Amino acid sequence: MEVVRLFVLPAFRRFGLAGELYRALEAQAKADRVAVMYLHTHPFLPGAIDFWLRQGFEVVDVDTDPVWRTTHMQRIL
């Protein structure tokens, strides 16, 4: 399963909403017998990589493009 977007409006950040949204998504994925969650993000998005690491994702690759440095992550369920 690919996580395409998970967004919380700035005024509502730092209340744990993104974590709750992700946990609900993961619960649904497990119920559907999904084996791997995948996403990609970028270092210029504030806090994104750290957030996904806290959710149990691991970095599996980082593109060498000096501007985007797309960071590919996955979580085995």
PDB file of N, CA and C in Angstrom:
ATOM      1  N   MET A   1       0.854  -1.167   0.000  1.00  0.00           N
ATOM      2  CA  MET A   1       0.000   0.000   0.000  1.00  0.00           C
ATOM      3  C   MET A   1       0.896   1.225   0.000  1.00  0.00           C
ATOM      4  N   GLU A   2       0.545   2.204  -0.807  1.00  0.00           N
ATOM      5  CA  GLU A   2       1.310   3.439  -0.845  1.00  0.00           C
ATOM      6  C   GLU A   2       0.553   4.544  -0.128  1.00  0.00           C
ATOM      7  N   VAL A   3       1.246   5.208   0.779  1.00  0.00           N
ATOM      8  CA  VAL A   3       0.698   6.391   1.430  1.00  0.00           C
ATOM      9  C   VAL A   3       1.033   7.554   0.515  1.00  0.00           C
ATOM     10  N   VAL A   4       0.016   8.190  -0.045  1.00  0.00           N
ATOM     11  CA  VAL A   4       0.260   9.257  -1.012  1.00  0.00           C
ATOM     12  C   VAL A   4       0.323  10.619  -0.330  1.00  0.00           C
ATOM     13  N   ARG A   5      -0.629  10.923   0.520  1.00  0.00           N
ATOM     14  CA  ARG A   5      -0.628  12.197   1.235  1.00  0.00           C
ATOM     15  C   ARG A   5      -1.210  12.007   2.631  1.00  0.00           C
ATOM     16  N   LEU A   6      -0.569  12.649   3.587  1.00  0.00           N
ATOM     17  CA  LEU A   6      -1.122  12.742   4.930  1.00  0.00           C
ATOM     18  C   LEU A   6      -0.840  14.172   5.365  1.00  0.00           C
ATOM     19  N   PHE A   7      -1.883  14.956   5.489  1.00  0.00           N
ATOM     20  CA  PHE A   7      -1.707  16.388   5.709  1.00  0.00           C
ATOM     21  C   PHE A   7      -2.617  16.852   6.840  1.00  0.00           C
ATOM     22  N   VAL A   8      -2.059  17.671   7.715  1.00  0.00           N
ATOM     23  CA  VAL A   8      -2.821  18.314   8.788  1.00  0.00           C
ATOM     24  C   VAL A   8      -2.594  19.815   8.647  1.00  0.00           C
ATOM     25  N   LEU A   9      -3.663  20.576   8.678  1.00  0.00           N
ATOM     26  CA  LEU A   9      -3.535  22.031   8.595  1.00  0.00           C
ATOM     27  C   LEU A   9      -2.605  22.545   9.699  1.00  0.00           C
ATOM     28  N   PRO A  10      -1.798  23.544   9.387  1.00  0.00           N
ATOM     29  CA  PRO A  10      -0.830  24.052  10.367  1.00  0.00           C
ATOM     30  C   PRO A  10      -1.433  24.383  11.735  1.00  0.00           C
ATOM     31  N   ALA A  11      -2.618  24.927  11.771  1.00  0.00           N
ATOM     32  CA  ALA A  11      -3.235  25.306  13.055  1.00  0.00           C
ATOM     33  C   ALA A  11      -3.542  24.098  13.936  1.00  0.00           C
ATOM     34  N   PHE A  12      -3.599  22.917  13.348  1.00  0.00           N
ATOM     35  CA  PHE A  12      -3.959  21.711  14.097  1.00  0.00           C
ATOM     36  C   PHE A  12      -2.794  20.743  14.263  1.00  0.00           C
ATOM     37  N   ARG A  13      -1.603  21.166  13.901  1.00  0.00           N
ATOM     38  CA  ARG A  13      -0.419  20.317  14.044  1.00  0.00           C
ATOM     39  C   ARG A  13       0.043  20.290  15.491  1.00  0.00           C
ATOM     40  N   ARG A  14       0.799  19.245  15.797  1.00  0.00           N
ATOM     41  CA  ARG A  14       1.402  19.026  17.133  1.00  0.00           C
ATOM     42  C   ARG A  14       0.369  18.592  18.170  1.00  0.00           C
ATOM     43  N   PHE A  15      -0.761  18.066  17.719  1.00  0.00           N
ATOM     44  CA  PHE A  15      -1.779  17.530  18.624  1.00  0.00           C
ATOM     45  C   PHE A  15      -1.917  16.017  18.485  1.00  0.00           C
ATOM     46  N   GLY A  16      -1.074  15.406  17.657  1.00  0.00           N
ATOM     47  CA  GLY A  16      -1.131  13.963  17.481  1.00  0.00           C
ATOM     48  C   GLY A  16      -2.107  13.492  16.411  1.00  0.00           C
ATOM     49  N   LEU A  17      -2.687  14.430  15.667  1.00  0.00           N
ATOM     50  CA  LEU A  17      -3.681  14.042  14.659  1.00  0.00           C
ATOM     51  C   LEU A  17      -3.082  13.213  13.531  1.00  0.00           C
ATOM     52  N   ALA A  18      -1.909  13.592  13.049  1.00  0.00           N
ATOM     53  CA  ALA A  18      -1.283  12.842  11.958  1.00  0.00           C
ATOM     54  C   ALA A  18      -0.996  11.406  12.393  1.00  0.00           C
ATOM     55  N   GLY A  19      -0.524  11.240  13.609  1.00  0.00           N
ATOM     56  CA  GLY A  19      -0.271   9.893  14.127  1.00  0.00           C
ATOM     57  C   GLY A  19      -1.546   9.070  14.209  1.00  0.00           C
ATOM     58  N   GLU A  20      -2.616   9.698  14.652  1.00  0.00           N
ATOM     59  CA  GLU A  20      -3.904   8.990  14.712  1.00  0.00           C
ATOM     60  C   GLU A  20      -4.389   8.611  13.320  1.00  0.00           C
ATOM     61  N   LEU A  21      -4.261   9.534  12.377  1.00  0.00           N
ATOM     62  CA  LEU A  21      -4.654   9.227  10.998  1.00  0.00           C
ATOM     63  C   LEU A  21      -3.845   8.057  10.449  1.00  0.00           C
ATOM     64  N   TYR A  22      -2.522   8.097  10.689  1.00  0.00           N
ATOM     65  CA  TYR A  22      -1.702   7.005  10.183  1.00  0.00           C
ATOM     66  C   TYR A  22      -2.062   5.686  10.853  1.00  0.00           C
ATOM     67  N   ARG A  23      -2.260   5.686  12.147  1.00  0.00           N
ATOM     68  CA  ARG A  23      -2.610   4.433  12.844  1.00  0.00           C
ATOM     69  C   ARG A  23      -3.919   3.855  12.318  1.00  0.00           C
ATOM     70  N   ALA A  24      -4.887   4.714  11.984  1.00  0.00           N
ATOM     71  CA  ALA A  24      -6.146   4.230  11.400  1.00  0.00           C
ATOM     72  C   ALA A  24      -5.889   3.620  10.020  1.00  0.00           C
ATOM     73  N   LEU A  25      -5.045   4.258   9.233  1.00  0.00           N
ATOM     74  CA  LEU A  25      -4.697   3.727   7.923  1.00  0.00           C
ATOM     75  C   LEU A  25      -3.978   2.390   8.054  1.00  0.00           C
ATOM     76  N   GLU A  26      -3.052   2.308   8.986  1.00  0.00           N
ATOM     77  CA  GLU A  26      -2.322   1.059   9.185  1.00  0.00           C
ATOM     78  C   GLU A  26      -3.256  -0.057   9.660  1.00  0.00           C
ATOM     79  N   ALA A  27      -4.176   0.259  10.544  1.00  0.00           N
ATOM     80  CA  ALA A  27      -5.135  -0.752  11.011  1.00  0.00           C
ATOM     81  C   ALA A  27      -5.959  -1.288   9.847  1.00  0.00           C
ATOM     82  N   GLN A  28      -6.384  -0.396   8.962  1.00  0.00           N
ATOM     83  CA  GLN A  28      -7.140  -0.841   7.787  1.00  0.00           C
ATOM     84  C   GLN A  28      -6.271  -1.694   6.870  1.00  0.00           C
ATOM     85  N   ALA A  29      -5.031  -1.286   6.688  1.00  0.00           N
ATOM     86  CA  ALA A  29      -4.112  -2.056   5.845  1.00  0.00           C
ATOM     87  C   ALA A  29      -3.908  -3.462   6.414  1.00  0.00           C
ATOM     88  N   LYS A  30      -3.718  -3.551   7.726  1.00  0.00           N
ATOM     89  CA  LYS A  30      -3.552  -4.875   8.351  1.00  0.00           C
ATOM     90  C   LYS A  30      -4.808  -5.711   8.184  1.00  0.00           C
ATOM     91  N   ALA A  31      -5.976  -5.097   8.350  1.00  0.00           N
ATOM     92  CA  ALA A  31      -7.234  -5.826   8.177  1.00  0.00           C
ATOM     93  C   ALA A  31      -7.370  -6.342   6.744  1.00  0.00           C
ATOM     94  N   ASP A  32      -6.808  -5.598   5.798  1.00  0.00           N
ATOM     95  CA  ASP A  32      -6.845  -6.003   4.390  1.00  0.00           C
ATOM     96  C   ASP A  32      -5.657  -6.882   4.003  1.00  0.00           C
ATOM     97  N   ARG A  33      -4.869  -7.264   4.986  1.00  0.00           N
ATOM     98  CA  ARG A  33      -3.719  -8.159   4.814  1.00  0.00           C
ATOM     99  C   ARG A  33      -2.635  -7.579   3.901  1.00  0.00           C
ATOM    100  N   VAL A  34      -2.447  -6.272   4.008  1.00  0.00           N
ATOM    101  CA  VAL A  34      -1.360  -5.610   3.293  1.00  0.00           C
ATOM    102  C   VAL A  34      -0.052  -5.973   3.989  1.00  0.00           C
ATOM    103  N   ALA A  35       0.966  -6.258   3.217  1.00  0.00           N
ATOM    104  CA  ALA A  35       2.246  -6.692   3.784  1.00  0.00           C
ATOM    105  C   ALA A  35       3.233  -5.545   4.010  1.00  0.00           C
ATOM    106  N   VAL A  36       3.183  -4.523   3.140  1.00  0.00           N
ATOM    107  CA  VAL A  36       4.174  -3.442   3.205  1.00  0.00           C
ATOM    108  C   VAL A  36       3.498  -2.106   2.931  1.00  0.00           C
ATOM    109  N   MET A  37       3.815  -1.137   3.765  1.00  0.00           N
ATOM    110  CA  MET A  37       3.395   0.243   3.529  1.00  0.00           C
ATOM    111  C   MET A  37       4.600   0.958   2.911  1.00  0.00           C
ATOM    112  N   TYR A  38       4.365   1.743   1.864  1.00  0.00           N
ATOM    113  CA  TYR A  38       5.433   2.480   1.187  1.00  0.00           C
ATOM    114  C   TYR A  38       5.040   3.950   1.085  1.00  0.00           C
ATOM    115  N   LEU A  39       6.035   4.817   1.133  1.00  0.00           N
ATOM    116  CA  LEU A  39       5.821   6.233   0.852  1.00  0.00           C
ATOM    117  C   LEU A  39       7.144   6.841   0.428  1.00  0.00           C
ATOM    118  N   HIS A  40       7.051   8.017  -0.128  1.00  0.00           N
ATOM    119  CA  HIS A  40       8.268   8.804  -0.337  1.00  0.00           C
ATOM    120  C   HIS A  40       7.993  10.227   0.130  1.00  0.00           C
ATOM    121  N   THR A  41       9.053  10.879   0.560  1.00  0.00           N
ATOM    122  CA  THR A  41       8.958  12.241   1.057  1.00  0.00           C
ATOM    123  C   THR A  41      10.246  12.967   0.693  1.00  0.00           C
ATOM    124  N   HIS A  42      10.385  14.184   1.191  1.00  0.00           N
ATOM    125  CA  HIS A  42      11.543  14.998   0.839  1.00  0.00           C
ATOM    126  C   HIS A  42      12.075  15.703   2.077  1.00  0.00           C
ATOM    127  N   PRO A  43      13.387  15.884   2.163  1.00  0.00           N
ATOM    128  CA  PRO A  43      13.981  16.539   3.333  1.00  0.00           C
ATOM    129  C   PRO A  43      13.518  17.972   3.544  1.00  0.00           C
ATOM    130  N   PHE A  44      13.042  18.643   2.493  1.00  0.00           N
ATOM    131  CA  PHE A  44      12.626  20.040   2.651  1.00  0.00           C
ATOM    132  C   PHE A  44      11.228  20.176   3.251  1.00  0.00           C
ATOM    133  N   LEU A  45      10.535  19.065   3.491  1.00  0.00           N
ATOM    134  CA  LEU A  45       9.232  19.117   4.172  1.00  0.00           C
ATOM    135  C   LEU A  45       9.496  19.030   5.675  1.00  0.00           C
ATOM    136  N   PRO A  46       9.188  20.091   6.411  1.00  0.00           N
ATOM    137  CA  PRO A  46       9.546  20.140   7.835  1.00  0.00           C
ATOM    138  C   PRO A  46       8.987  18.963   8.636  1.00  0.00           C
ATOM    139  N   GLY A  47       9.888  18.212   9.231  1.00  0.00           N
ATOM    140  CA  GLY A  47       9.492  17.143  10.140  1.00  0.00           C
ATOM    141  C   GLY A  47       9.008  15.860   9.499  1.00  0.00           C
ATOM    142  N   ALA A  48       8.901  15.808   8.177  1.00  0.00           N
ATOM    143  CA  ALA A  48       8.288  14.643   7.526  1.00  0.00           C
ATOM    144  C   ALA A  48       9.074  13.353   7.772  1.00  0.00           C
ATOM    145  N   ILE A  49      10.368  13.379   7.529  1.00  0.00           N
ATOM    146  CA  ILE A  49      11.154  12.151   7.689  1.00  0.00           C
ATOM    147  C   ILE A  49      11.126  11.694   9.134  1.00  0.00           C
ATOM    148  N   ASP A  50      11.323  12.596  10.071  1.00  0.00           N
ATOM    149  CA  ASP A  50      11.279  12.222  11.491  1.00  0.00           C
ATOM    150  C   ASP A  50       9.918  11.667  11.876  1.00  0.00           C
ATOM    151  N   PHE A  51       8.843  12.263  11.371  1.00  0.00           N
ATOM    152  CA  PHE A  51       7.499  11.763  11.670  1.00  0.00           C
ATOM    153  C   PHE A  51       7.370  10.316  11.226  1.00  0.00           C
ATOM    154  N   TRP A  52       7.763  10.032   9.979  1.00  0.00           N
ATOM    155  CA  TRP A  52       7.595   8.673   9.461  1.00  0.00           C
ATOM    156  C   TRP A  52       8.505   7.678  10.172  1.00  0.00           C
ATOM    157  N   LEU A  53       9.689   8.105  10.566  1.00  0.00           N
ATOM    158  CA  LEU A  53      10.544   7.225  11.355  1.00  0.00           C
ATOM    159  C   LEU A  53       9.875   6.876  12.681  1.00  0.00           C
ATOM    160  N   ARG A  54       9.228   7.847  13.312  1.00  0.00           N
ATOM    161  CA  ARG A  54       8.520   7.585  14.583  1.00  0.00           C
ATOM    162  C   ARG A  54       7.343   6.628  14.384  1.00  0.00           C
ATOM    163  N   GLN A  55       6.811   6.564  13.166  1.00  0.00           N
ATOM    164  CA  GLN A  55       5.691   5.655  12.892  1.00  0.00           C
ATOM    165  C   GLN A  55       6.196   4.248  12.568  1.00  0.00           C
ATOM    166  N   GLY A  56       7.493   4.055  12.581  1.00  0.00           N
ATOM    167  CA  GLY A  56       8.057   2.732  12.333  1.00  0.00           C
ATOM    168  C   GLY A  56       8.554   2.494  10.925  1.00  0.00           C
ATOM    169  N   PHE A  57       8.560   3.526  10.086  1.00  0.00           N
ATOM    170  CA  PHE A  57       9.079   3.381   8.736  1.00  0.00           C
ATOM    171  C   PHE A  57      10.599   3.398   8.769  1.00  0.00           C
ATOM    172  N   GLU A  58      11.196   2.810   7.736  1.00  0.00           N
ATOM    173  CA  GLU A  58      12.645   2.856   7.581  1.00  0.00           C
ATOM    174  C   GLU A  58      12.957   3.424   6.202  1.00  0.00           C
ATOM    175  N   VAL A  59      14.079   4.117   6.119  1.00  0.00           N
ATOM    176  CA  VAL A  59      14.526   4.648   4.842  1.00  0.00           C
ATOM    177  C   VAL A  59      15.115   3.495   4.041  1.00  0.00           C
ATOM    178  N   VAL A  60      14.629   3.312   2.803  1.00  0.00           N
ATOM    179  CA  VAL A  60      15.149   2.240   1.957  1.00  0.00           C
ATOM    180  C   VAL A  60      15.979   2.774   0.798  1.00  0.00           C
ATOM    181  N   ASP A  61      15.844   4.059   0.481  1.00  0.00           N
ATOM    182  CA  ASP A  61      16.646   4.648  -0.585  1.00  0.00           C
ATOM    183  C   ASP A  61      16.474   6.161  -0.539  1.00  0.00           C
ATOM    184  N   VAL A  62      17.496   6.874  -0.977  1.00  0.00           N
ATOM    185  CA  VAL A  62      17.431   8.325  -1.130  1.00  0.00           C
ATOM    186  C   VAL A  62      17.972   8.642  -2.519  1.00  0.00           C
ATOM    187  N   ASP A  63      17.158   9.288  -3.342  1.00  0.00           N
ATOM    188  CA  ASP A  63      17.590   9.661  -4.688  1.00  0.00           C
ATOM    189  C   ASP A  63      18.754  10.643  -4.611  1.00  0.00           C
ATOM    190  N   THR A  64      19.615  10.579  -5.596  1.00  0.00           N
ATOM    191  CA  THR A  64      20.811  11.430  -5.593  1.00  0.00           C
ATOM    192  C   THR A  64      20.566  12.832  -6.122  1.00  0.00           C
ATOM    193  N   ASP A  65      19.385  13.090  -6.650  1.00  0.00           N
ATOM    194  CA  ASP A  65      19.065  14.424  -7.161  1.00  0.00           C
ATOM    195  C   ASP A  65      19.308  15.453  -6.050  1.00  0.00           C
ATOM    196  N   PRO A  66      20.175  16.450  -6.285  1.00  0.00           N
ATOM    197  CA  PRO A  66      20.531  17.384  -5.207  1.00  0.00           C
ATOM    198  C   PRO A  66      19.403  18.323  -4.772  1.00  0.00           C
ATOM    199  N   VAL A  67      18.371  18.472  -5.582  1.00  0.00           N
ATOM    200  CA  VAL A  67      17.268  19.362  -5.218  1.00  0.00           C
ATOM    201  C   VAL A  67      16.196  18.593  -4.448  1.00  0.00           C
ATOM    202  N   TRP A  68      15.701  17.511  -5.016  1.00  0.00           N
ATOM    203  CA  TRP A  68      14.572  16.787  -4.422  1.00  0.00           C
ATOM    204  C   TRP A  68      14.995  15.805  -3.342  1.00  0.00           C
ATOM    205  N   ARG A  69      16.102  15.101  -3.554  1.00  0.00           N
ATOM    206  CA  ARG A  69      16.559  14.067  -2.604  1.00  0.00           C
ATOM    207  C   ARG A  69      15.375  13.234  -2.081  1.00  0.00           C
ATOM    208  N   THR A  70      14.577  12.740  -3.021  1.00  0.00           N
ATOM    209  CA  THR A  70      13.399  11.950  -2.652  1.00  0.00           C
ATOM    210  C   THR A  70      13.836  10.814  -1.748  1.00  0.00           C
ATOM    211  N   THR A  71      13.179  10.717  -0.604  1.00  0.00           N
ATOM    212  CA  THR A  71      13.493   9.708   0.400  1.00  0.00           C
ATOM    213  C   THR A  71      12.392   8.656   0.383  1.00  0.00           C
ATOM    214  N   HIS A  72      12.758   7.443   0.006  1.00  0.00           N
ATOM    215  CA  HIS A  72      11.818   6.329  -0.088  1.00  0.00           C
ATOM    216  C   HIS A  72      11.819   5.573   1.242  1.00  0.00           C
ATOM    217  N   MET A  73      10.622   5.293   1.736  1.00  0.00           N
ATOM    218  CA  MET A  73      10.500   4.653   3.053  1.00  0.00           C
ATOM    219  C   MET A  73       9.476   3.531   2.991  1.00  0.00           C
ATOM    220  N   GLN A  74       9.651   2.552   3.872  1.00  0.00           N
ATOM    221  CA  GLN A  74       8.667   1.479   3.955  1.00  0.00           C
ATOM    222  C   GLN A  74       8.527   1.001   5.390  1.00  0.00           C
ATOM    223  N   ARG A  75       7.409   0.335   5.627  1.00  0.00           N
ATOM    224  CA  ARG A  75       7.144  -0.293   6.927  1.00  0.00           C
ATOM    225  C   ARG A  75       6.547  -1.659   6.626  1.00  0.00           C
ATOM    226  N   ILE A  76       7.213  -2.701   7.105  1.00  0.00           N
ATOM    227  CA  ILE A  76       6.697  -4.062   6.962  1.00  0.00           C
ATOM    228  C   ILE A  76       5.640  -4.260   8.042  1.00  0.00           C
ATOM    229  N   LEU A  77       4.477  -4.745   7.634  1.00  0.00           N
ATOM    230  CA  LEU A  77       3.386  -4.921   8.610  1.00  0.00           C
ATOM    231  C   LEU A  77       3.361  -6.327   9.175  1.00  0.00           C
TER     232      LEU A  77
END
